[in-house]
Amino acid sequence: MWFPVLAPSAKLLSQLKEFDLENPAKRKTFFDRYEKELMASAEARQTVEFVAEVAARTPISIGCFCADESRCHRARLFEIIQEHAPDERK
């Protein structure tokens, strides 16, 4: 399933040029902005909760076009989903 609500906004992606994702501090700044943006939306928060519930019952995959997961929003999304996992999975 595709959940565009979990993707970084077009505005944040357009600012990606500002971030040298090779630099850990800049990468953290981008990831922090992504998480703040994601969790500011009720629709996105509810989607994170839904995906966390599904992931508690069955394996999921998080896809993107980025070649290096460590420099991709999906790495932070994975952490966010884990944080919202039902208590028995934490």
PDB file of N, CA and C in Angstrom:
ATOM      1  N   MET A   1       0.845  -1.174   0.000  1.00  0.00           N
ATOM      2  CA  MET A   1       0.000   0.000   0.000  1.00  0.00           C
ATOM      3  C   MET A   1       0.888   1.234   0.000  1.00  0.00           C
ATOM      4  N   TRP A   2       0.413   2.266  -0.607  1.00  0.00           N
ATOM      5  CA  TRP A   2       1.142   3.519  -0.669  1.00  0.00           C
ATOM      6  C   TRP A   2       0.428   4.520   0.231  1.00  0.00           C
ATOM      7  N   PHE A   3       1.173   5.129   1.140  1.00  0.00           N
ATOM      8  CA  PHE A   3       0.637   6.133   2.041  1.00  0.00           C
ATOM      9  C   PHE A   3       1.391   7.444   1.820  1.00  0.00           C
ATOM     10  N   PRO A   4       0.966   8.251   0.852  1.00  0.00           N
ATOM     11  CA  PRO A   4       1.680   9.497   0.584  1.00  0.00           C
ATOM     12  C   PRO A   4       1.714  10.435   1.784  1.00  0.00           C
ATOM     13  N   VAL A   5       0.775  10.273   2.706  1.00  0.00           N
ATOM     14  CA  VAL A   5       0.750  11.126   3.894  1.00  0.00           C
ATOM     15  C   VAL A   5       1.996  10.908   4.763  1.00  0.00           C
ATOM     16  N   LEU A   6       2.674   9.778   4.589  1.00  0.00           N
ATOM     17  CA  LEU A   6       3.881   9.488   5.374  1.00  0.00           C
ATOM     18  C   LEU A   6       5.160   9.995   4.712  1.00  0.00           C
ATOM     19  N   ALA A   7       5.046  10.519   3.522  1.00  0.00           N
ATOM     20  CA  ALA A   7       6.216  11.035   2.799  1.00  0.00           C
ATOM     21  C   ALA A   7       6.509  12.471   3.236  1.00  0.00           C
ATOM     22  N   PRO A   8       7.766  12.896   3.102  1.00  0.00           N
ATOM     23  CA  PRO A   8       8.066  14.314   3.362  1.00  0.00           C
ATOM     24  C   PRO A   8       7.271  15.189   2.392  1.00  0.00           C
ATOM     25  N   SER A   9       6.895  16.361   2.849  1.00  0.00           N
ATOM     26  CA  SER A   9       6.139  17.274   1.987  1.00  0.00           C
ATOM     27  C   SER A   9       7.003  17.744   0.822  1.00  0.00           C
ATOM     28  N   ALA A  10       6.338  18.228  -0.208  1.00  0.00           N
ATOM     29  CA  ALA A  10       7.062  18.788  -1.354  1.00  0.00           C
ATOM     30  C   ALA A  10       7.942  19.949  -0.900  1.00  0.00           C
ATOM     31  N   LYS A  11       7.443  20.733   0.046  1.00  0.00           N
ATOM     32  CA  LYS A  11       8.232  21.865   0.557  1.00  0.00           C
ATOM     33  C   LYS A  11       9.514  21.373   1.224  1.00  0.00           C
ATOM     34  N   LEU A  12       9.393  20.364   2.078  1.00  0.00           N
ATOM     35  CA  LEU A  12      10.590  19.839   2.753  1.00  0.00           C
ATOM     36  C   LEU A  12      11.542  19.211   1.743  1.00  0.00           C
ATOM     37  N   LEU A  13      11.011  18.489   0.786  1.00  0.00           N
ATOM     38  CA  LEU A  13      11.871  17.897  -0.239  1.00  0.00           C
ATOM     39  C   LEU A  13      12.574  18.956  -1.072  1.00  0.00           C
ATOM     40  N   SER A  14      11.902  20.071  -1.324  1.00  0.00           N
ATOM     41  CA  SER A  14      12.540  21.147  -2.093  1.00  0.00           C
ATOM     42  C   SER A  14      13.680  21.781  -1.308  1.00  0.00           C
ATOM     43  N   GLN A  15      13.614  21.711   0.007  1.00  0.00           N
ATOM     44  CA  GLN A  15      14.685  22.240   0.861  1.00  0.00           C
ATOM     45  C   GLN A  15      15.837  21.251   1.008  1.00  0.00           C
ATOM     46  N   LEU A  16      15.675  20.069   0.451  1.00  0.00           N
ATOM     47  CA  LEU A  16      16.683  19.021   0.589  1.00  0.00           C
ATOM     48  C   LEU A  16      18.047  19.471   0.081  1.00  0.00           C
ATOM     49  N   LYS A  17      18.049  20.395  -0.887  1.00  0.00           N
ATOM     50  CA  LYS A  17      19.320  20.907  -1.414  1.00  0.00           C
ATOM     51  C   LYS A  17      20.154  21.560  -0.323  1.00  0.00           C
ATOM     52  N   GLU A  18      19.500  22.081   0.717  1.00  0.00           N
ATOM     53  CA  GLU A  18      20.191  22.725   1.833  1.00  0.00           C
ATOM     54  C   GLU A  18      20.939  21.714   2.705  1.00  0.00           C
ATOM     55  N   PHE A  19      20.511  20.485   2.637  1.00  0.00           N
ATOM     56  CA  PHE A  19      21.039  19.466   3.540  1.00  0.00           C
ATOM     57  C   PHE A  19      22.091  18.612   2.854  1.00  0.00           C
ATOM     58  N   ASP A  20      23.253  18.551   3.460  1.00  0.00           N
ATOM     59  CA  ASP A  20      24.285  17.620   3.015  1.00  0.00           C
ATOM     60  C   ASP A  20      24.062  16.348   3.823  1.00  0.00           C
ATOM     61  N   LEU A  21      23.358  15.398   3.232  1.00  0.00           N
ATOM     62  CA  LEU A  21      22.989  14.206   3.982  1.00  0.00           C
ATOM     63  C   LEU A  21      24.182  13.322   4.321  1.00  0.00           C
ATOM     64  N   GLU A  22      25.349  13.652   3.786  1.00  0.00           N
ATOM     65  CA  GLU A  22      26.572  12.962   4.187  1.00  0.00           C
ATOM     66  C   GLU A  22      26.997  13.428   5.578  1.00  0.00           C
ATOM     67  N   ASN A  23      26.609  14.630   5.942  1.00  0.00           N
ATOM     68  CA  ASN A  23      26.952  15.222   7.234  1.00  0.00           C
ATOM     69  C   ASN A  23      25.913  14.768   8.268  1.00  0.00           C
ATOM     70  N   PRO A  24      26.332  14.025   9.299  1.00  0.00           N
ATOM     71  CA  PRO A  24      25.375  13.502  10.280  1.00  0.00           C
ATOM     72  C   PRO A  24      24.529  14.586  10.955  1.00  0.00           C
ATOM     73  N   ALA A  25      25.091  15.740  11.224  1.00  0.00           N
ATOM     74  CA  ALA A  25      24.332  16.815  11.872  1.00  0.00           C
ATOM     75  C   ALA A  25      23.250  17.358  10.937  1.00  0.00           C
ATOM     76  N   LYS A  26      23.589  17.531   9.666  1.00  0.00           N
ATOM     77  CA  LYS A  26      22.613  18.024   8.677  1.00  0.00           C
ATOM     78  C   LYS A  26      21.528  16.977   8.431  1.00  0.00           C
ATOM     79  N   ARG A  27      21.932  15.706   8.397  1.00  0.00           N
ATOM     80  CA  ARG A  27      20.972  14.614   8.206  1.00  0.00           C
ATOM     81  C   ARG A  27      19.989  14.593   9.381  1.00  0.00           C
ATOM     82  N   LYS A  28      20.504  14.764  10.604  1.00  0.00           N
ATOM     83  CA  LYS A  28      19.640  14.794  11.792  1.00  0.00           C
ATOM     84  C   LYS A  28      18.655  15.956  11.705  1.00  0.00           C
ATOM     85  N   THR A  29      19.115  17.109  11.243  1.00  0.00           N
ATOM     86  CA  THR A  29      18.232  18.269  11.094  1.00  0.00           C
ATOM     87  C   THR A  29      17.103  17.959  10.121  1.00  0.00           C
ATOM     88  N   PHE A  30      17.446  17.354   8.981  1.00  0.00           N
ATOM     89  CA  PHE A  30      16.417  16.987   8.002  1.00  0.00           C
ATOM     90  C   PHE A  30      15.438  15.991   8.606  1.00  0.00           C
ATOM     91  N   PHE A  31      15.951  14.950   9.257  1.00  0.00           N
ATOM     92  CA  PHE A  31      15.083  13.935   9.849  1.00  0.00           C
ATOM     93  C   PHE A  31      14.197  14.542  10.933  1.00  0.00           C
ATOM     94  N   ASP A  32      14.752  15.440  11.742  1.00  0.00           N
ATOM     95  CA  ASP A  32      13.954  16.089  12.790  1.00  0.00           C
ATOM     96  C   ASP A  32      12.834  16.927  12.194  1.00  0.00           C
ATOM     97  N   ARG A  33      13.118  17.649  11.121  1.00  0.00           N
ATOM     98  CA  ARG A  33      12.084  18.440  10.449  1.00  0.00           C
ATOM     99  C   ARG A  33      11.008  17.529   9.864  1.00  0.00           C
ATOM    100  N   TYR A  34      11.448  16.418   9.292  1.00  0.00           N
ATOM    101  CA  TYR A  34      10.493  15.454   8.733  1.00  0.00           C
ATOM    102  C   TYR A  34       9.574  14.927   9.832  1.00  0.00           C
ATOM    103  N   GLU A  35      10.142  14.520  10.955  1.00  0.00           N
ATOM    104  CA  GLU A  35       9.326  13.977  12.042  1.00  0.00           C
ATOM    105  C   GLU A  35       8.376  15.040  12.596  1.00  0.00           C
ATOM    106  N   LYS A  36       8.853  16.247  12.768  1.00  0.00           N
ATOM    107  CA  LYS A  36       8.004  17.325  13.275  1.00  0.00           C
ATOM    108  C   LYS A  36       6.836  17.569  12.324  1.00  0.00           C
ATOM    109  N   GLU A  37       7.141  17.624  11.035  1.00  0.00           N
ATOM    110  CA  GLU A  37       6.119  17.819  10.011  1.00  0.00           C
ATOM    111  C   GLU A  37       5.119  16.657  10.027  1.00  0.00           C
ATOM    112  N   LEU A  38       5.617  15.444  10.100  1.00  0.00           N
ATOM    113  CA  LEU A  38       4.775  14.251  10.078  1.00  0.00           C
ATOM    114  C   LEU A  38       3.829  14.223  11.275  1.00  0.00           C
ATOM    115  N   MET A  39       4.350  14.473  12.454  1.00  0.00           N
ATOM    116  CA  MET A  39       3.559  14.349  13.669  1.00  0.00           C
ATOM    117  C   MET A  39       2.653  15.557  13.908  1.00  0.00           C
ATOM    118  N   ALA A  40       2.791  16.603  13.111  1.00  0.00           N
ATOM    119  CA  ALA A  40       1.932  17.784  13.232  1.00  0.00           C
ATOM    120  C   ALA A  40       0.562  17.560  12.597  1.00  0.00           C
ATOM    121  N   SER A  41       0.456  16.551  11.766  1.00  0.00           N
ATOM    122  CA  SER A  41      -0.786  16.268  11.044  1.00  0.00           C
ATOM    123  C   SER A  41      -1.530  15.119  11.715  1.00  0.00           C
ATOM    124  N   ALA A  42      -2.789  15.356  12.045  1.00  0.00           N
ATOM    125  CA  ALA A  42      -3.597  14.292  12.651  1.00  0.00           C
ATOM    126  C   ALA A  42      -3.715  13.096  11.711  1.00  0.00           C
ATOM    127  N   GLU A  43      -3.879  13.373  10.425  1.00  0.00           N
ATOM    128  CA  GLU A  43      -3.996  12.286   9.442  1.00  0.00           C
ATOM    129  C   GLU A  43      -2.730  11.436   9.418  1.00  0.00           C
ATOM    130  N   ALA A  44      -1.569  12.083   9.440  1.00  0.00           N
ATOM    131  CA  ALA A  44      -0.301  11.349   9.419  1.00  0.00           C
ATOM    132  C   ALA A  44      -0.098  10.584  10.728  1.00  0.00           C
ATOM    133  N   ARG A  45      -0.416  11.198  11.865  1.00  0.00           N
ATOM    134  CA  ARG A  45      -0.276  10.507  13.157  1.00  0.00           C
ATOM    135  C   ARG A  45      -1.147   9.261  13.191  1.00  0.00           C
ATOM    136  N   GLN A  46      -2.380   9.392  12.713  1.00  0.00           N
ATOM    137  CA  GLN A  46      -3.286   8.244  12.699  1.00  0.00           C
ATOM    138  C   GLN A  46      -2.778   7.161  11.758  1.00  0.00           C
ATOM    139  N   THR A  47      -2.171   7.562  10.654  1.00  0.00           N
ATOM    140  CA  THR A  47      -1.620   6.594   9.711  1.00  0.00           C
ATOM    141  C   THR A  47      -0.426   5.876  10.334  1.00  0.00           C
ATOM    142  N   VAL A  48       0.419   6.610  11.050  1.00  0.00           N
ATOM    143  CA  VAL A  48       1.545   5.987  11.759  1.00  0.00           C
ATOM    144  C   VAL A  48       1.017   4.960  12.754  1.00  0.00           C
ATOM    145  N   GLU A  49      -0.014   5.324  13.514  1.00  0.00           N
ATOM    146  CA  GLU A  49      -0.604   4.396  14.483  1.00  0.00           C
ATOM    147  C   GLU A  49      -1.151   3.142  13.783  1.00  0.00           C
ATOM    148  N   PHE A  50      -1.816   3.345  12.665  1.00  0.00           N
ATOM    149  CA  PHE A  50      -2.366   2.221  11.903  1.00  0.00           C
ATOM    150  C   PHE A  50      -1.248   1.297  11.424  1.00  0.00           C
ATOM    151  N   VAL A  51      -0.217   1.872  10.824  1.00  0.00           N
ATOM    152  CA  VAL A  51       0.898   1.068  10.311  1.00  0.00           C
ATOM    153  C   VAL A  51       1.596   0.339  11.464  1.00  0.00           C
ATOM    154  N   ALA A  52       1.732   0.995  12.612  1.00  0.00           N
ATOM    155  CA  ALA A  52       2.351   0.346  13.769  1.00  0.00           C
ATOM    156  C   ALA A  52       1.524  -0.856  14.223  1.00  0.00           C
ATOM    157  N   GLU A  53       0.201  -0.710  14.206  1.00  0.00           N
ATOM    158  CA  GLU A  53      -0.674  -1.830  14.574  1.00  0.00           C
ATOM    159  C   GLU A  53      -0.547  -2.977  13.577  1.00  0.00           C
ATOM    160  N   VAL A  54      -0.509  -2.660  12.303  1.00  0.00           N
ATOM    161  CA  VAL A  54      -0.349  -3.696  11.275  1.00  0.00           C
ATOM    162  C   VAL A  54       1.005  -4.386  11.438  1.00  0.00           C
ATOM    163  N   ALA A  55       2.049  -3.582  11.654  1.00  0.00           N
ATOM    164  CA  ALA A  55       3.400  -4.130  11.793  1.00  0.00           C
ATOM    165  C   ALA A  55       3.536  -5.026  13.021  1.00  0.00           C
ATOM    166  N   ALA A  56       2.677  -4.821  14.013  1.00  0.00           N
ATOM    167  CA  ALA A  56       2.702  -5.675  15.199  1.00  0.00           C
ATOM    168  C   ALA A  56       2.182  -7.069  14.883  1.00  0.00           C
ATOM    169  N   ARG A  57       1.446  -7.194  13.779  1.00  0.00           N
ATOM    170  CA  ARG A  57       0.827  -8.473  13.427  1.00  0.00           C
ATOM    171  C   ARG A  57       1.479  -9.164  12.241  1.00  0.00           C
ATOM    172  N   THR A  58       2.105  -8.391  11.380  1.00  0.00           N
ATOM    173  CA  THR A  58       2.685  -8.956  10.165  1.00  0.00           C
ATOM    174  C   THR A  58       3.874  -8.107   9.724  1.00  0.00           C
ATOM    175  N   PRO A  59       4.873  -8.704   9.105  1.00  0.00           N
ATOM    176  CA  PRO A  59       6.021  -7.913   8.638  1.00  0.00           C
ATOM    177  C   PRO A  59       5.585  -6.876   7.593  1.00  0.00           C
ATOM    178  N   ILE A  60       6.211  -5.719   7.654  1.00  0.00           N
ATOM    179  CA  ILE A  60       5.953  -4.680   6.661  1.00  0.00           C
ATOM    180  C   ILE A  60       7.275  -4.259   6.026  1.00  0.00           C
ATOM    181  N   SER A  61       7.181  -3.609   4.889  1.00  0.00           N
ATOM    182  CA  SER A  61       8.342  -3.031   4.220  1.00  0.00           C
ATOM    183  C   SER A  61       8.060  -1.563   3.983  1.00  0.00           C
ATOM    184  N   ILE A  62       9.097  -0.749   4.132  1.00  0.00           N
ATOM    185  CA  ILE A  62       8.986   0.678   3.858  1.00  0.00           C
ATOM    186  C   ILE A  62       9.865   0.958   2.655  1.00  0.00           C
ATOM    187  N   GLY A  63       9.259   1.407   1.590  1.00  0.00           N
ATOM    188  CA  GLY A  63      10.002   1.612   0.354  1.00  0.00           C
ATOM    189  C   GLY A  63      10.190   3.076   0.013  1.00  0.00           C
ATOM    190  N   CYS A  64      11.171   3.320  -0.815  1.00  0.00           N
ATOM    191  CA  CYS A  64      11.473   4.656  -1.334  1.00  0.00           C
ATOM    192  C   CYS A  64      12.441   4.468  -2.496  1.00  0.00           C
ATOM    193  N   PHE A  65      12.694   5.540  -3.216  1.00  0.00           N
ATOM    194  CA  PHE A  65      13.625   5.475  -4.336  1.00  0.00           C
ATOM    195  C   PHE A  65      15.068   5.729  -3.911  1.00  0.00           C
ATOM    196  N   CYS A  66      15.280   6.173  -2.681  1.00  0.00           N
ATOM    197  CA  CYS A  66      16.638   6.463  -2.210  1.00  0.00           C
ATOM    198  C   CYS A  66      17.454   5.169  -2.162  1.00  0.00           C
ATOM    199  N   ALA A  67      18.677   5.251  -2.632  1.00  0.00           N
ATOM    200  CA  ALA A  67      19.540   4.071  -2.661  1.00  0.00           C
ATOM    201  C   ALA A  67      20.064   3.716  -1.270  1.00  0.00           C
ATOM    202  N   ASP A  68      20.321   4.721  -0.445  1.00  0.00           N
ATOM    203  CA  ASP A  68      20.916   4.494   0.870  1.00  0.00           C
ATOM    204  C   ASP A  68      19.893   4.789   1.960  1.00  0.00           C
ATOM    205  N   GLU A  69      19.391   3.740   2.590  1.00  0.00           N
ATOM    206  CA  GLU A  69      18.351   3.891   3.601  1.00  0.00           C
ATOM    207  C   GLU A  69      18.779   4.802   4.750  1.00  0.00           C
ATOM    208  N   SER A  70      20.053   4.794   5.113  1.00  0.00           N
ATOM    209  CA  SER A  70      20.503   5.606   6.247  1.00  0.00           C
ATOM    210  C   SER A  70      20.385   7.102   5.972  1.00  0.00           C
ATOM    211  N   ARG A  71      20.260   7.478   4.709  1.00  0.00           N
ATOM    212  CA  ARG A  71      20.140   8.885   4.334  1.00  0.00           C
ATOM    213  C   ARG A  71      18.752   9.205   3.787  1.00  0.00           C
ATOM    214  N   CYS A  72      17.799   8.360   4.119  1.00  0.00           N
ATOM    215  CA  CYS A  72      16.444   8.466   3.585  1.00  0.00           C
ATOM    216  C   CYS A  72      15.449   8.643   4.732  1.00  0.00           C
ATOM    217  N   HIS A  73      14.358   9.327   4.458  1.00  0.00           N
ATOM    218  CA  HIS A  73      13.329   9.526   5.473  1.00  0.00           C
ATOM    219  C   HIS A  73      12.775   8.207   5.998  1.00  0.00           C
ATOM    220  N   ARG A  74      12.886   7.141   5.208  1.00  0.00           N
ATOM    221  CA  ARG A  74      12.297   5.873   5.661  1.00  0.00           C
ATOM    222  C   ARG A  74      13.002   5.317   6.894  1.00  0.00           C
ATOM    223  N   ALA A  75      14.269   5.690   7.099  1.00  0.00           N
ATOM    224  CA  ALA A  75      14.969   5.254   8.308  1.00  0.00           C
ATOM    225  C   ALA A  75      14.309   5.875   9.542  1.00  0.00           C
ATOM    226  N   ARG A  76      13.991   7.169   9.464  1.00  0.00           N
ATOM    227  CA  ARG A  76      13.316   7.830  10.589  1.00  0.00           C
ATOM    228  C   ARG A  76      11.885   7.324  10.710  1.00  0.00           C
ATOM    229  N   LEU A  77      11.217   7.109   9.591  1.00  0.00           N
ATOM    230  CA  LEU A  77       9.847   6.597   9.638  1.00  0.00           C
ATOM    231  C   LEU A  77       9.807   5.248  10.342  1.00  0.00           C
ATOM    232  N   PHE A  78      10.776   4.406  10.078  1.00  0.00           N
ATOM    233  CA  PHE A  78      10.850   3.103  10.748  1.00  0.00           C
ATOM    234  C   PHE A  78      10.934   3.297  12.265  1.00  0.00           C
ATOM    235  N   GLU A  79      11.766   4.235  12.714  1.00  0.00           N
ATOM    236  CA  GLU A  79      11.895   4.516  14.151  1.00  0.00           C
ATOM    237  C   GLU A  79      10.576   5.028  14.730  1.00  0.00           C
ATOM    238  N   ILE A  80       9.917   5.907  14.000  1.00  0.00           N
ATOM    239  CA  ILE A  80       8.650   6.474  14.463  1.00  0.00           C
ATOM    240  C   ILE A  80       7.600   5.377  14.599  1.00  0.00           C
ATOM    241  N   ILE A  81       7.540   4.496  13.618  1.00  0.00           N
ATOM    242  CA  ILE A  81       6.587   3.384  13.673  1.00  0.00           C
ATOM    243  C   ILE A  81       6.882   2.496  14.873  1.00  0.00           C
ATOM    244  N   GLN A  82       8.151   2.214  15.125  1.00  0.00           N
ATOM    245  CA  GLN A  82       8.519   1.399  16.295  1.00  0.00           C
ATOM    246  C   GLN A  82       8.101   2.075  17.597  1.00  0.00           C
ATOM    247  N   GLU A  83       8.258   3.388  17.662  1.00  0.00           N
ATOM    248  CA  GLU A  83       7.872   4.132  18.869  1.00  0.00           C
ATOM    249  C   GLU A  83       6.371   4.055  19.122  1.00  0.00           C
ATOM    250  N   HIS A  84       5.595   3.873  18.066  1.00  0.00           N
ATOM    251  CA  HIS A  84       4.133   3.824  18.201  1.00  0.00           C
ATOM    252  C   HIS A  84       3.592   2.397  18.220  1.00  0.00           C
ATOM    253  N   ALA A  85       4.475   1.440  18.316  1.00  0.00           N
ATOM    254  CA  ALA A  85       4.045   0.040  18.358  1.00  0.00           C
ATOM    255  C   ALA A  85       3.231  -0.209  19.625  1.00  0.00           C
ATOM    256  N   PRO A  86       2.295  -1.134  19.543  1.00  0.00           N
ATOM    257  CA  PRO A  86       1.547  -1.507  20.744  1.00  0.00           C
ATOM    258  C   PRO A  86       2.511  -1.930  21.849  1.00  0.00           C
ATOM    259  N   ASP A  87       2.122  -1.717  23.087  1.00  0.00           N
ATOM    260  CA  ASP A  87       2.997  -1.955  24.236  1.00  0.00           C
ATOM    261  C   ASP A  87       3.649  -3.326  24.250  1.00  0.00           C
ATOM    262  N   GLU A  88       2.953  -4.355  23.800  1.00  0.00           N
ATOM    263  CA  GLU A  88       3.520  -5.702  23.833  1.00  0.00           C
ATOM    264  C   GLU A  88       4.706  -5.867  22.900  1.00  0.00           C
ATOM    265  N   ARG A  89       4.892  -4.970  21.912  1.00  0.00           N
ATOM    266  CA  ARG A  89       6.020  -5.070  20.976  1.00  0.00           C
ATOM    267  C   ARG A  89       7.218  -4.224  21.406  1.00  0.00           C
ATOM    268  N   LYS A  90       7.038  -3.317  22.369  1.00  0.00           N
ATOM    269  CA  LYS A  90       8.112  -2.407  22.767  1.00  0.00           C
ATOM    270  C   LYS A  90       9.134  -3.079  23.627  1.00  0.00           C
TER     271      LYS A  90
END
